[in-house]
Structures are given as structure tokens and as C-alpha cells.
PDB file of N, CA and C in Angstrom:
ATOM      1  N   UNK A   1     -54.692 -19.559 -34.199  1.00  0.00           N
ATOM      2  CA  UNK A   1     -54.803 -20.133 -35.518  1.00  0.00           C
ATOM      3  C   UNK A   1     -53.402 -20.413 -36.052  1.00  0.00           C
ATOM      4  N   UNK A   2     -53.218 -21.606 -36.553  1.00  0.00           N
ATOM      5  CA  UNK A   2     -51.930 -21.993 -37.115  1.00  0.00           C
ATOM      6  C   UNK A   2     -52.023 -22.006 -38.632  1.00  0.00           C
ATOM      7  N   UNK A   3     -51.081 -21.374 -39.259  1.00  0.00           N
ATOM      8  CA  UNK A   3     -51.019 -21.357 -40.714  1.00  0.00           C
ATOM      9  C   UNK A   3     -49.824 -22.186 -41.153  1.00  0.00           C
ATOM     10  N   UNK A   4     -50.108 -23.375 -41.608  1.00  0.00           N
ATOM     11  CA  UNK A   4     -49.036 -24.266 -42.049  1.00  0.00           C
ATOM     12  C   UNK A   4     -49.388 -24.849 -43.400  1.00  0.00           C
ATOM     13  N   UNK A   5     -48.360 -25.038 -44.182  1.00  0.00           N
ATOM     14  CA  UNK A   5     -48.507 -25.732 -45.451  1.00  0.00           C
ATOM     15  C   UNK A   5     -47.471 -26.845 -45.470  1.00  0.00           C
ATOM     16  N   UNK A   6     -47.616 -27.730 -46.410  1.00  0.00           N
ATOM     17  CA  UNK A   6     -46.619 -28.791 -46.541  1.00  0.00           C
ATOM     18  C   UNK A   6     -45.236 -28.203 -46.759  1.00  0.00           C
ATOM     19  N   UNK A   7     -45.169 -27.176 -47.609  1.00  0.00           N
ATOM     20  CA  UNK A   7     -43.879 -26.543 -47.882  1.00  0.00           C
ATOM     21  C   UNK A   7     -43.309 -25.867 -46.637  1.00  0.00           C
ATOM     22  N   UNK A   8     -44.151 -25.191 -45.856  1.00  0.00           N
ATOM     23  CA  UNK A   8     -43.630 -24.529 -44.654  1.00  0.00           C
ATOM     24  C   UNK A   8     -43.119 -25.565 -43.647  1.00  0.00           C
ATOM     25  N   UNK A   9     -43.794 -26.708 -43.558  1.00  0.00           N
ATOM     26  CA  UNK A   9     -43.309 -27.779 -42.680  1.00  0.00           C
ATOM     27  C   UNK A   9     -41.949 -28.296 -43.140  1.00  0.00           C
ATOM     28  N   UNK A  10     -41.799 -28.498 -44.428  1.00  0.00           N
ATOM     29  CA  UNK A  10     -40.530 -28.984 -44.969  1.00  0.00           C
ATOM     30  C   UNK A  10     -39.417 -27.951 -44.782  1.00  0.00           C
ATOM     31  N   UNK A  11     -39.744 -26.693 -44.979  1.00  0.00           N
ATOM     32  CA  UNK A  11     -38.742 -25.643 -44.782  1.00  0.00           C
ATOM     33  C   UNK A  11     -38.341 -25.523 -43.310  1.00  0.00           C
ATOM     34  N   UNK A  12     -39.276 -25.768 -42.420  1.00  0.00           N
ATOM     35  CA  UNK A  12     -38.951 -25.768 -40.996  1.00  0.00           C
ATOM     36  C   UNK A  12     -37.955 -26.874 -40.675  1.00  0.00           C
ATOM     37  N   UNK A  13     -38.169 -28.046 -41.225  1.00  0.00           N
ATOM     38  CA  UNK A  13     -37.212 -29.146 -41.021  1.00  0.00           C
ATOM     39  C   UNK A  13     -35.856 -28.790 -41.636  1.00  0.00           C
ATOM     40  N   UNK A  14     -35.878 -28.145 -42.798  1.00  0.00           N
ATOM     41  CA  UNK A  14     -34.648 -27.704 -43.470  1.00  0.00           C
ATOM     42  C   UNK A  14     -33.873 -26.736 -42.564  1.00  0.00           C
ATOM     43  N   UNK A  15     -34.579 -25.795 -41.968  1.00  0.00           N
ATOM     44  CA  UNK A  15     -33.931 -24.838 -41.067  1.00  0.00           C
ATOM     45  C   UNK A  15     -33.397 -25.525 -39.813  1.00  0.00           C
ATOM     46  N   UNK A  16     -34.143 -26.473 -39.270  1.00  0.00           N
ATOM     47  CA  UNK A  16     -33.676 -27.216 -38.100  1.00  0.00           C
ATOM     48  C   UNK A  16     -32.370 -27.947 -38.400  1.00  0.00           C
ATOM     49  N   UNK A  17     -32.313 -28.600 -39.560  1.00  0.00           N
ATOM     50  CA  UNK A  17     -31.098 -29.334 -39.928  1.00  0.00           C
ATOM     51  C   UNK A  17     -29.943 -28.379 -40.235  1.00  0.00           C
ATOM     52  N   UNK A  18     -30.240 -27.238 -40.828  1.00  0.00           N
ATOM     53  CA  UNK A  18     -29.194 -26.237 -41.085  1.00  0.00           C
ATOM     54  C   UNK A  18     -28.611 -25.740 -39.770  1.00  0.00           C
ATOM     55  N   UNK A  19     -29.478 -25.513 -38.804  1.00  0.00           N
ATOM     56  CA  UNK A  19     -29.034 -25.077 -37.479  1.00  0.00           C
ATOM     57  C   UNK A  19     -28.165 -26.148 -36.833  1.00  0.00           C
ATOM     58  N   UNK A  20     -28.568 -27.403 -36.972  1.00  0.00           N
ATOM     59  CA  UNK A  20     -27.781 -28.502 -36.391  1.00  0.00           C
ATOM     60  C   UNK A  20     -26.409 -28.582 -37.044  1.00  0.00           C
ATOM     61  N   UNK A  21     -26.340 -28.352 -38.357  1.00  0.00           N
ATOM     62  CA  UNK A  21     -25.057 -28.356 -39.063  1.00  0.00           C
ATOM     63  C   UNK A  21     -24.161 -27.242 -38.523  1.00  0.00           C
ATOM     64  N   UNK A  22     -24.728 -26.076 -38.269  1.00  0.00           N
ATOM     65  CA  UNK A  22     -23.957 -24.961 -37.710  1.00  0.00           C
ATOM     66  C   UNK A  22     -23.433 -25.331 -36.326  1.00  0.00           C
ATOM     67  N   UNK A  23     -24.250 -25.985 -35.515  1.00  0.00           N
ATOM     68  CA  UNK A  23     -23.833 -26.389 -34.164  1.00  0.00           C
ATOM     69  C   UNK A  23     -22.686 -27.390 -34.213  1.00  0.00           C
ATOM     70  N   UNK A  24     -22.784 -28.365 -35.096  1.00  0.00           N
ATOM     71  CA  UNK A  24     -21.737 -29.386 -35.221  1.00  0.00           C
ATOM     72  C   UNK A  24     -20.426 -28.740 -35.670  1.00  0.00           C
ATOM     73  N   UNK A  25     -20.516 -27.860 -36.639  1.00  0.00           N
ATOM     74  CA  UNK A  25     -19.323 -27.180 -37.150  1.00  0.00           C
ATOM     75  C   UNK A  25     -18.713 -26.282 -36.078  1.00  0.00           C
ATOM     76  N   UNK A  26     -19.544 -25.565 -35.348  1.00  0.00           N
ATOM     77  CA  UNK A  26     -19.043 -24.701 -34.279  1.00  0.00           C
ATOM     78  C   UNK A  26     -18.339 -25.522 -33.193  1.00  0.00           C
ATOM     79  N   UNK A  27     -18.870 -26.697 -32.894  1.00  0.00           N
ATOM     80  CA  UNK A  27     -18.225 -27.569 -31.899  1.00  0.00           C
ATOM     81  C   UNK A  27     -16.844 -28.011 -32.389  1.00  0.00           C
ATOM     82  N   UNK A  28     -16.750 -28.340 -33.655  1.00  0.00           N
ATOM     83  CA  UNK A  28     -15.439 -28.701 -34.209  1.00  0.00           C
ATOM     84  C   UNK A  28     -14.465 -27.533 -34.087  1.00  0.00           C
ATOM     85  N   UNK A  29     -14.923 -26.339 -34.451  1.00  0.00           N
ATOM     86  CA  UNK A  29     -14.059 -25.148 -34.384  1.00  0.00           C
ATOM     87  C   UNK A  29     -13.621 -24.864 -32.942  1.00  0.00           C
ATOM     88  N   UNK A  30     -14.543 -25.039 -32.018  1.00  0.00           N
ATOM     89  CA  UNK A  30     -14.233 -24.765 -30.614  1.00  0.00           C
ATOM     90  C   UNK A  30     -13.191 -25.741 -30.063  1.00  0.00           C
ATOM     91  N   UNK A  31     -13.072 -26.900 -30.675  1.00  0.00           N
ATOM     92  CA  UNK A  31     -12.145 -27.926 -30.187  1.00  0.00           C
ATOM     93  C   UNK A  31     -10.881 -28.033 -31.016  1.00  0.00           C
ATOM     94  N   UNK A  32     -10.552 -26.998 -31.763  1.00  0.00           N
ATOM     95  CA  UNK A  32      -9.374 -27.060 -32.636  1.00  0.00           C
ATOM     96  C   UNK A  32      -8.076 -27.283 -31.849  1.00  0.00           C
ATOM     97  N   UNK A  33      -8.034 -26.849 -30.615  1.00  0.00           N
ATOM     98  CA  UNK A  33      -6.819 -27.024 -29.801  1.00  0.00           C
ATOM     99  C   UNK A  33      -6.960 -28.098 -28.739  1.00  0.00           C
ATOM    100  N   UNK A  34      -7.995 -28.908 -28.809  1.00  0.00           N
ATOM    101  CA  UNK A  34      -8.201 -29.972 -27.832  1.00  0.00           C
ATOM    102  C   UNK A  34      -7.442 -31.226 -28.273  1.00  0.00           C
ATOM    103  N   UNK A  35      -6.428 -31.628 -27.512  1.00  0.00           N
ATOM    104  CA  UNK A  35      -5.679 -32.822 -27.905  1.00  0.00           C
ATOM    105  C   UNK A  35      -6.588 -34.053 -28.020  1.00  0.00           C
ATOM    106  N   UNK A  36      -6.418 -34.796 -29.094  1.00  0.00           N
ATOM    107  CA  UNK A  36      -7.171 -36.022 -29.299  1.00  0.00           C
ATOM    108  C   UNK A  36      -8.561 -35.830 -29.880  1.00  0.00           C
ATOM    109  N   UNK A  37      -9.010 -34.592 -30.026  1.00  0.00           N
ATOM    110  CA  UNK A  37     -10.358 -34.360 -30.571  1.00  0.00           C
ATOM    111  C   UNK A  37     -10.386 -34.750 -32.041  1.00  0.00           C
ATOM    112  N   UNK A  38     -11.448 -35.455 -32.411  1.00  0.00           N
ATOM    113  CA  UNK A  38     -11.627 -35.877 -33.798  1.00  0.00           C
ATOM    114  C   UNK A  38     -12.851 -35.178 -34.386  1.00  0.00           C
ATOM    115  N   UNK A  39     -12.702 -34.682 -35.587  1.00  0.00           N
ATOM    116  CA  UNK A  39     -13.762 -33.961 -36.278  1.00  0.00           C
ATOM    117  C   UNK A  39     -14.968 -34.864 -36.505  1.00  0.00           C
ATOM    118  N   UNK A  40     -16.162 -34.298 -36.257  1.00  0.00           N
ATOM    119  CA  UNK A  40     -17.410 -34.996 -36.534  1.00  0.00           C
ATOM    120  C   UNK A  40     -18.194 -34.186 -37.558  1.00  0.00           C
ATOM    121  N   UNK A  41     -19.111 -34.862 -38.214  1.00  0.00           N
ATOM    122  CA  UNK A  41     -19.923 -34.178 -39.214  1.00  0.00           C
ATOM    123  C   UNK A  41     -21.220 -34.923 -39.432  1.00  0.00           C
ATOM    124  N   UNK A  42     -22.051 -34.343 -40.281  1.00  0.00           N
ATOM    125  CA  UNK A  42     -23.325 -34.961 -40.623  1.00  0.00           C
ATOM    126  C   UNK A  42     -23.537 -34.840 -42.119  1.00  0.00           C
ATOM    127  N   UNK A  43     -24.278 -35.778 -42.654  1.00  0.00           N
ATOM    128  CA  UNK A  43     -24.633 -35.753 -44.064  1.00  0.00           C
ATOM    129  C   UNK A  43     -25.964 -35.012 -44.173  1.00  0.00           C
ATOM    130  N   UNK A  44     -25.897 -33.722 -44.508  1.00  0.00           N
ATOM    131  CA  UNK A  44     -27.090 -32.887 -44.541  1.00  0.00           C
ATOM    132  C   UNK A  44     -28.126 -33.440 -45.513  1.00  0.00           C
ATOM    133  N   UNK A  45     -27.695 -33.821 -46.703  1.00  0.00           N
ATOM    134  CA  UNK A  45     -28.636 -34.309 -47.715  1.00  0.00           C
ATOM    135  C   UNK A  45     -29.372 -35.565 -47.245  1.00  0.00           C
ATOM    136  N   UNK A  46     -28.649 -36.495 -46.647  1.00  0.00           N
ATOM    137  CA  UNK A  46     -29.280 -37.721 -46.150  1.00  0.00           C
ATOM    138  C   UNK A  46     -30.243 -37.405 -45.006  1.00  0.00           C
ATOM    139  N   UNK A  47     -29.851 -36.492 -44.129  1.00  0.00           N
ATOM    140  CA  UNK A  47     -30.715 -36.128 -43.011  1.00  0.00           C
ATOM    141  C   UNK A  47     -31.981 -35.440 -43.504  1.00  0.00           C
ATOM    142  N   UNK A  48     -31.860 -34.601 -44.524  1.00  0.00           N
ATOM    143  CA  UNK A  48     -33.040 -33.923 -45.064  1.00  0.00           C
ATOM    144  C   UNK A  48     -33.954 -34.932 -45.747  1.00  0.00           C
ATOM    145  N   UNK A  49     -33.368 -35.859 -46.468  1.00  0.00           N
ATOM    146  CA  UNK A  49     -34.166 -36.897 -47.121  1.00  0.00           C
ATOM    147  C   UNK A  49     -34.922 -37.719 -46.079  1.00  0.00           C
ATOM    148  N   UNK A  50     -34.260 -38.063 -44.995  1.00  0.00           N
ATOM    149  CA  UNK A  50     -34.902 -38.817 -43.925  1.00  0.00           C
ATOM    150  C   UNK A  50     -36.025 -38.003 -43.287  1.00  0.00           C
ATOM    151  N   UNK A  51     -35.797 -36.708 -43.100  1.00  0.00           N
ATOM    152  CA  UNK A  51     -36.822 -35.838 -42.514  1.00  0.00           C
ATOM    153  C   UNK A  51     -38.046 -35.757 -43.419  1.00  0.00           C
ATOM    154  N   UNK A  52     -37.834 -35.734 -44.721  1.00  0.00           N
ATOM    155  CA  UNK A  52     -38.960 -35.671 -45.657  1.00  0.00           C
ATOM    156  C   UNK A  52     -39.734 -36.980 -45.671  1.00  0.00           C
ATOM    157  N   UNK A  53     -39.037 -38.096 -45.550  1.00  0.00           N
ATOM    158  CA  UNK A  53     -39.690 -39.401 -45.524  1.00  0.00           C
ATOM    159  C   UNK A  53     -40.520 -39.544 -44.247  1.00  0.00           C
ATOM    160  N   UNK A  54     -39.973 -39.045 -43.132  1.00  0.00           N
ATOM    161  CA  UNK A  54     -40.695 -39.110 -41.855  1.00  0.00           C
ATOM    162  C   UNK A  54     -41.975 -38.284 -41.910  1.00  0.00           C
ATOM    163  N   UNK A  55     -41.994 -37.265 -42.758  1.00  0.00           N
ATOM    164  CA  UNK A  55     -43.195 -36.463 -42.939  1.00  0.00           C
ATOM    165  C   UNK A  55     -43.597 -35.647 -41.728  1.00  0.00           C
ATOM    166  N   UNK A  56     -42.638 -35.279 -40.906  1.00  0.00           N
ATOM    167  CA  UNK A  56     -42.943 -34.422 -39.765  1.00  0.00           C
ATOM    168  C   UNK A  56     -43.551 -35.148 -38.579  1.00  0.00           C
ATOM    169  N   UNK A  57     -43.553 -36.479 -38.615  1.00  0.00           N
ATOM    170  CA  UNK A  57     -44.140 -37.220 -37.499  1.00  0.00           C
ATOM    171  C   UNK A  57     -43.362 -36.976 -36.211  1.00  0.00           C
ATOM    172  N   UNK A  58     -42.060 -36.822 -36.353  1.00  0.00           N
ATOM    173  CA  UNK A  58     -41.217 -36.543 -35.193  1.00  0.00           C
ATOM    174  C   UNK A  58     -39.973 -35.835 -35.680  1.00  0.00           C
ATOM    175  N   UNK A  59     -39.316 -35.145 -34.780  1.00  0.00           N
ATOM    176  CA  UNK A  59     -38.084 -34.452 -35.143  1.00  0.00           C
ATOM    177  C   UNK A  59     -37.014 -35.491 -35.477  1.00  0.00           C
ATOM    178  N   UNK A  60     -36.323 -35.264 -36.564  1.00  0.00           N
ATOM    179  CA  UNK A  60     -35.274 -36.181 -36.986  1.00  0.00           C
ATOM    180  C   UNK A  60     -33.937 -35.642 -36.503  1.00  0.00           C
ATOM    181  N   UNK A  61     -33.241 -36.431 -35.718  1.00  0.00           N
ATOM    182  CA  UNK A  61     -31.905 -36.062 -35.269  1.00  0.00           C
ATOM    183  C   UNK A  61     -30.907 -36.676 -36.248  1.00  0.00           C
ATOM    184  N   UNK A  62     -30.128 -35.837 -36.923  1.00  0.00           N
ATOM    185  CA  UNK A  62     -29.185 -36.367 -37.913  1.00  0.00           C
ATOM    186  C   UNK A  62     -28.091 -37.207 -37.251  1.00  0.00           C
ATOM    187  N   UNK A  63     -27.578 -38.132 -38.004  1.00  0.00           N
ATOM    188  CA  UNK A  63     -26.485 -38.971 -37.502  1.00  0.00           C
ATOM    189  C   UNK A  63     -25.184 -38.173 -37.542  1.00  0.00           C
ATOM    190  N   UNK A  64     -24.570 -38.041 -36.384  1.00  0.00           N
ATOM    191  CA  UNK A  64     -23.296 -37.342 -36.272  1.00  0.00           C
ATOM    192  C   UNK A  64     -22.219 -38.415 -36.231  1.00  0.00           C
ATOM    193  N   UNK A  65     -21.308 -38.330 -37.181  1.00  0.00           N
ATOM    194  CA  UNK A  65     -20.272 -39.363 -37.303  1.00  0.00           C
ATOM    195  C   UNK A  65     -18.889 -38.744 -37.433  1.00  0.00           C
ATOM    196  N   UNK A  66     -17.865 -39.509 -37.086  1.00  0.00           N
ATOM    197  CA  UNK A  66     -16.497 -39.025 -37.303  1.00  0.00           C
ATOM    198  C   UNK A  66     -16.239 -38.815 -38.796  1.00  0.00           C
ATOM    199  N   UNK A  67     -15.465 -37.812 -39.097  1.00  0.00           N
ATOM    200  CA  UNK A  67     -15.097 -37.521 -40.481  1.00  0.00           C
ATOM    201  C   UNK A  67     -13.738 -38.158 -40.733  1.00  0.00           C
ATOM    202  N   UNK A  68     -13.660 -38.979 -41.743  1.00  0.00           N
ATOM    203  CA  UNK A  68     -12.405 -39.652 -42.056  1.00  0.00           C
ATOM    204  C   UNK A  68     -11.585 -38.907 -43.096  1.00  0.00           C
ATOM    205  N   UNK A  69     -10.343 -39.334 -43.246  1.00  0.00           N
ATOM    206  CA  UNK A  69      -9.486 -38.807 -44.296  1.00  0.00           C
ATOM    207  C   UNK A  69      -8.859 -37.457 -44.005  1.00  0.00           C
ATOM    208  N   UNK A  70      -8.907 -37.022 -42.757  1.00  0.00           N
ATOM    209  CA  UNK A  70      -8.314 -35.733 -42.407  1.00  0.00           C
ATOM    210  C   UNK A  70      -6.901 -35.939 -41.860  1.00  0.00           C
ATOM    211  N   UNK A  71      -6.096 -34.914 -41.973  1.00  0.00           N
ATOM    212  CA  UNK A  71      -4.723 -34.980 -41.475  1.00  0.00           C
ATOM    213  C   UNK A  71      -4.748 -34.861 -39.952  1.00  0.00           C
ATOM    214  N   UNK A  72      -4.134 -35.845 -39.296  1.00  0.00           N
ATOM    215  CA  UNK A  72      -4.089 -35.860 -37.831  1.00  0.00           C
ATOM    216  C   UNK A  72      -2.765 -35.235 -37.385  1.00  0.00           C
ATOM    217  N   UNK A  73      -2.873 -34.253 -36.521  1.00  0.00           N
ATOM    218  CA  UNK A  73      -1.683 -33.593 -35.983  1.00  0.00           C
ATOM    219  C   UNK A  73      -1.043 -34.487 -34.914  1.00  0.00           C
ATOM    220  N   UNK A  74       0.184 -34.190 -34.502  1.00  0.00           N
ATOM    221  CA  UNK A  74       0.850 -35.015 -33.482  1.00  0.00           C
ATOM    222  C   UNK A  74       0.074 -35.137 -32.165  1.00  0.00           C
ATOM    223  N   UNK A  75      -0.783 -34.146 -31.838  1.00  0.00           N
ATOM    224  CA  UNK A  75      -1.550 -34.229 -30.588  1.00  0.00           C
ATOM    225  C   UNK A  75      -2.820 -35.063 -30.746  1.00  0.00           C
ATOM    226  N   UNK A  76      -3.035 -35.651 -31.936  1.00  0.00           N
ATOM    227  CA  UNK A  76      -4.190 -36.503 -32.162  1.00  0.00           C
ATOM    228  C   UNK A  76      -5.423 -35.767 -32.656  1.00  0.00           C
ATOM    229  N   UNK A  77      -5.350 -34.458 -32.771  1.00  0.00           N
ATOM    230  CA  UNK A  77      -6.476 -33.642 -33.233  1.00  0.00           C
ATOM    231  C   UNK A  77      -6.436 -33.575 -34.764  1.00  0.00           C
ATOM    232  N   UNK A  78      -7.618 -33.641 -35.389  1.00  0.00           N
ATOM    233  CA  UNK A  78      -7.640 -33.583 -36.854  1.00  0.00           C
ATOM    234  C   UNK A  78      -8.536 -32.461 -37.404  1.00  0.00           C
ATOM    235  N   UNK A  79      -8.870 -31.474 -36.554  1.00  0.00           N
ATOM    236  CA  UNK A  79      -9.732 -30.377 -36.998  1.00  0.00           C
ATOM    237  C   UNK A  79      -8.957 -29.464 -37.945  1.00  0.00           C
ATOM    238  N   UNK A  80      -9.566 -29.182 -39.092  1.00  0.00           N
ATOM    239  CA  UNK A  80      -8.998 -28.255 -40.065  1.00  0.00           C
ATOM    240  C   UNK A  80      -9.876 -27.006 -40.090  1.00  0.00           C
ATOM    241  N   UNK A  81      -9.305 -25.872 -39.731  1.00  0.00           N
ATOM    242  CA  UNK A  81     -10.083 -24.637 -39.716  1.00  0.00           C
ATOM    243  C   UNK A  81     -10.557 -24.276 -41.127  1.00  0.00           C
ATOM    244  N   UNK A  82      -9.784 -24.592 -42.137  1.00  0.00           N
ATOM    245  CA  UNK A  82     -10.207 -24.329 -43.516  1.00  0.00           C
ATOM    246  C   UNK A  82     -11.465 -25.134 -43.849  1.00  0.00           C
ATOM    247  N   UNK A  83     -11.452 -26.420 -43.512  1.00  0.00           N
ATOM    248  CA  UNK A  83     -12.610 -27.266 -43.783  1.00  0.00           C
ATOM    249  C   UNK A  83     -13.824 -26.779 -43.003  1.00  0.00           C
ATOM    250  N   UNK A  84     -13.633 -26.470 -41.743  1.00  0.00           N
ATOM    251  CA  UNK A  84     -14.751 -26.043 -40.901  1.00  0.00           C
ATOM    252  C   UNK A  84     -15.301 -24.693 -41.345  1.00  0.00           C
ATOM    253  N   UNK A  85     -14.438 -23.811 -41.807  1.00  0.00           N
ATOM    254  CA  UNK A  85     -14.903 -22.518 -42.323  1.00  0.00           C
ATOM    255  C   UNK A  85     -15.786 -22.712 -43.547  1.00  0.00           C
ATOM    256  N   UNK A  86     -15.400 -23.634 -44.408  1.00  0.00           N
ATOM    257  CA  UNK A  86     -16.223 -23.940 -45.590  1.00  0.00           C
ATOM    258  C   UNK A  86     -17.552 -24.569 -45.177  1.00  0.00           C
ATOM    259  N   UNK A  87     -17.513 -25.476 -44.209  1.00  0.00           N
ATOM    260  CA  UNK A  87     -18.743 -26.099 -43.708  1.00  0.00           C
ATOM    261  C   UNK A  87     -19.673 -25.040 -43.107  1.00  0.00           C
ATOM    262  N   UNK A  88     -19.106 -24.107 -42.359  1.00  0.00           N
ATOM    263  CA  UNK A  88     -19.907 -23.057 -41.724  1.00  0.00           C
ATOM    264  C   UNK A  88     -20.535 -22.153 -42.785  1.00  0.00           C
ATOM    265  N   UNK A  89     -19.761 -21.768 -43.786  1.00  0.00           N
ATOM    266  CA  UNK A  89     -20.292 -20.901 -44.844  1.00  0.00           C
ATOM    267  C   UNK A  89     -21.437 -21.599 -45.584  1.00  0.00           C
ATOM    268  N   UNK A  90     -21.269 -22.872 -45.865  1.00  0.00           N
ATOM    269  CA  UNK A  90     -22.314 -23.643 -46.552  1.00  0.00           C
ATOM    270  C   UNK A  90     -23.573 -23.740 -45.700  1.00  0.00           C
ATOM    271  N   UNK A  91     -23.411 -24.015 -44.406  1.00  0.00           N
ATOM    272  CA  UNK A  91     -24.560 -24.129 -43.510  1.00  0.00           C
ATOM    273  C   UNK A  91     -25.272 -22.786 -43.351  1.00  0.00           C
ATOM    274  N   UNK A  92     -24.520 -21.707 -43.265  1.00  0.00           N
ATOM    275  CA  UNK A  92     -25.126 -20.380 -43.148  1.00  0.00           C
ATOM    276  C   UNK A  92     -25.901 -20.024 -44.419  1.00  0.00           C
ATOM    277  N   UNK A  93     -25.350 -20.371 -45.562  1.00  0.00           N
ATOM    278  CA  UNK A  93     -26.046 -20.119 -46.825  1.00  0.00           C
ATOM    279  C   UNK A  93     -27.342 -20.918 -46.898  1.00  0.00           C
ATOM    280  N   UNK A  94     -27.289 -22.170 -46.468  1.00  0.00           N
ATOM    281  CA  UNK A  94     -28.511 -22.983 -46.424  1.00  0.00           C
ATOM    282  C   UNK A  94     -29.551 -22.334 -45.517  1.00  0.00           C
ATOM    283  N   UNK A  95     -29.114 -21.892 -44.355  1.00  0.00           N
ATOM    284  CA  UNK A  95     -30.044 -21.304 -43.397  1.00  0.00           C
ATOM    285  C   UNK A  95     -30.682 -20.035 -43.974  1.00  0.00           C
ATOM    286  N   UNK A  96     -29.876 -19.156 -44.528  1.00  0.00           N
ATOM    287  CA  UNK A  96     -30.404 -17.913 -45.099  1.00  0.00           C
ATOM    288  C   UNK A  96     -31.368 -18.193 -46.248  1.00  0.00           C
ATOM    289  N   UNK A  97     -31.052 -19.183 -47.058  1.00  0.00           N
ATOM    290  CA  UNK A  97     -31.943 -19.568 -48.148  1.00  0.00           C
ATOM    291  C   UNK A  97     -33.254 -20.090 -47.601  1.00  0.00           C
ATOM    292  N   UNK A  98     -33.187 -20.924 -46.571  1.00  0.00           N
ATOM    293  CA  UNK A  98     -34.396 -21.461 -45.950  1.00  0.00           C
ATOM    294  C   UNK A  98     -35.278 -20.375 -45.366  1.00  0.00           C
ATOM    295  N   UNK A  99     -34.674 -19.387 -44.716  1.00  0.00           N
ATOM    296  CA  UNK A  99     -35.445 -18.276 -44.147  1.00  0.00           C
ATOM    297  C   UNK A  99     -36.134 -17.494 -45.259  1.00  0.00           C
ATOM    298  N   UNK A 100     -35.402 -17.215 -46.343  1.00  0.00           N
ATOM    299  CA  UNK A 100     -35.988 -16.463 -47.459  1.00  0.00           C
ATOM    300  C   UNK A 100     -37.151 -17.233 -48.086  1.00  0.00           C
ATOM    301  N   UNK A 101     -36.984 -18.532 -48.263  1.00  0.00           N
ATOM    302  CA  UNK A 101     -38.065 -19.344 -48.847  1.00  0.00           C
ATOM    303  C   UNK A 101     -39.272 -19.428 -47.917  1.00  0.00           C
ATOM    304  N   UNK A 102     -39.029 -19.554 -46.620  1.00  0.00           N
ATOM    305  CA  UNK A 102     -40.129 -19.613 -45.663  1.00  0.00           C
ATOM    306  C   UNK A 102     -40.873 -18.280 -45.625  1.00  0.00           C
ATOM    307  N   UNK A 103     -40.137 -17.191 -45.672  1.00  0.00           N
ATOM    308  CA  UNK A 103     -40.763 -15.863 -45.702  1.00  0.00           C
ATOM    309  C   UNK A 103     -41.647 -15.738 -46.945  1.00  0.00           C
ATOM    310  N   UNK A 104     -41.142 -16.196 -48.073  1.00  0.00           N
ATOM    311  CA  UNK A 104     -41.915 -16.140 -49.322  1.00  0.00           C
ATOM    312  C   UNK A 104     -43.177 -17.001 -49.228  1.00  0.00           C
ATOM    313  N   UNK A 105     -43.069 -18.174 -48.607  1.00  0.00           N
ATOM    314  CA  UNK A 105     -44.225 -19.061 -48.463  1.00  0.00           C
ATOM    315  C   UNK A 105     -45.298 -18.425 -47.581  1.00  0.00           C
ATOM    316  N   UNK A 106     -44.891 -17.837 -46.464  1.00  0.00           N
ATOM    317  CA  UNK A 106     -45.876 -17.197 -45.591  1.00  0.00           C
ATOM    318  C   UNK A 106     -46.504 -15.973 -46.253  1.00  0.00           C
ATOM    319  N   UNK A 107     -45.730 -15.235 -47.024  1.00  0.00           N
ATOM    320  CA  UNK A 107     -46.293 -14.100 -47.765  1.00  0.00           C
ATOM    321  C   UNK A 107     -47.347 -14.590 -48.742  1.00  0.00           C
ATOM    322  N   UNK A 108     -47.066 -15.685 -49.418  1.00  0.00           N
ATOM    323  CA  UNK A 108     -48.018 -16.262 -50.358  1.00  0.00           C
ATOM    324  C   UNK A 108     -49.319 -16.662 -49.648  1.00  0.00           C
ATOM    325  N   UNK A 109     -49.185 -17.306 -48.499  1.00  0.00           N
ATOM    326  CA  UNK A 109     -50.363 -17.743 -47.743  1.00  0.00           C
ATOM    327  C   UNK A 109     -51.172 -16.530 -47.259  1.00  0.00           C
ATOM    328  N   UNK A 110     -50.477 -15.525 -46.702  1.00  0.00           N
ATOM    329  CA  UNK A 110     -51.190 -14.338 -46.215  1.00  0.00           C
ATOM    330  C   UNK A 110     -51.877 -13.602 -47.357  1.00  0.00           C
ATOM    331  N   UNK A 111     -51.225 -13.529 -48.508  1.00  0.00           N
ATOM    332  CA  UNK A 111     -51.854 -12.874 -49.664  1.00  0.00           C
ATOM    333  C   UNK A 111     -53.101 -13.629 -50.110  1.00  0.00           C
ATOM    334  N   UNK A 112     -53.055 -14.939 -50.042  1.00  0.00           N
ATOM    335  CA  UNK A 112     -54.233 -15.735 -50.413  1.00  0.00           C
ATOM    336  C   UNK A 112     -55.389 -15.503 -49.428  1.00  0.00           C
ATOM    337  N   UNK A 113     -55.062 -15.353 -48.166  1.00  0.00           N
ATOM    338  CA  UNK A 113     -56.088 -15.103 -47.150  1.00  0.00           C
ATOM    339  C   UNK A 113     -56.741 -13.738 -47.357  1.00  0.00           C
ATOM    340  N   UNK A 114     -55.938 -12.752 -47.703  1.00  0.00           N
ATOM    341  CA  UNK A 114     -56.438 -11.386 -47.839  1.00  0.00           C
ATOM    342  C   UNK A 114     -56.920 -11.047 -49.236  1.00  0.00           C
ATOM    343  N   UNK A 115     -56.877 -11.978 -50.160  1.00  0.00           N
ATOM    344  CA  UNK A 115     -57.336 -11.727 -51.531  1.00  0.00           C
ATOM    345  C   UNK A 115     -58.841 -11.499 -51.530  1.00  0.00           C
ATOM    346  N   UNK A 116     -59.266 -10.608 -52.371  1.00  0.00           N
ATOM    347  CA  UNK A 116     -60.708 -10.300 -52.443  1.00  0.00           C
ATOM    348  C   UNK A 116     -61.333 -10.956 -53.631  1.00  0.00           C
TER     349      UNK A 116
END
């Protein structure tokens, strides 16, 4: 038996995109010393909006694009650990919030099932 609600589906997409943001940020951090590496990023809000419009018909892969306006070092790398640390903290906060909201939604559903 599957217990799903519209909200739980949306929160699942939210968690998927939060996880993808963490992966993108971790890749940037891992390449901080790679000559010529250019920072990439995703627009979380736009990706979430697209996921909501799709309505769960298929998994939405966010657009990963180069990040402009960063200081390029002499080796051609433009990764900023300060920027990536902030991106990681934001993505982790989103993920933790999504987990808490999903837990609350499932508790609500289970309580409704067991109500007398």
C-alpha cells in the first residue's frame, strides 16, 4: 500500500532537488585545485517551479550552468570556497527542512488513518 499525498509528492521533488544542489556544490568543492575548472550551479527556485509544473510526470533534472562573475585565478579556476560553503549550508538547510516537513505530512496521514 502506498500512502502519498500531493504535498508528499512535492516534498519528495523538493528533497531530490536539494540533494542535487548538494551534489553540484560538492563537485565544485572537490575541484577547487583543478586548473581550468569553472564553477557550475543551478537555480533551485526555477528548478522547483519547473518540477511543480511538471506535476510529477517525470523526474526533472535541473539545468546546470556555469556561474559567472567569479574571480578567476591565474590557473583558470574560479571556485570560491566561501561561496561554495554558503551554497552547501543553504542546500543542507533546505534538505533538513524538507525532511521535517515530509515527516510531519506522513504523521498527519497516519494519524488520520488511525483516528477513531
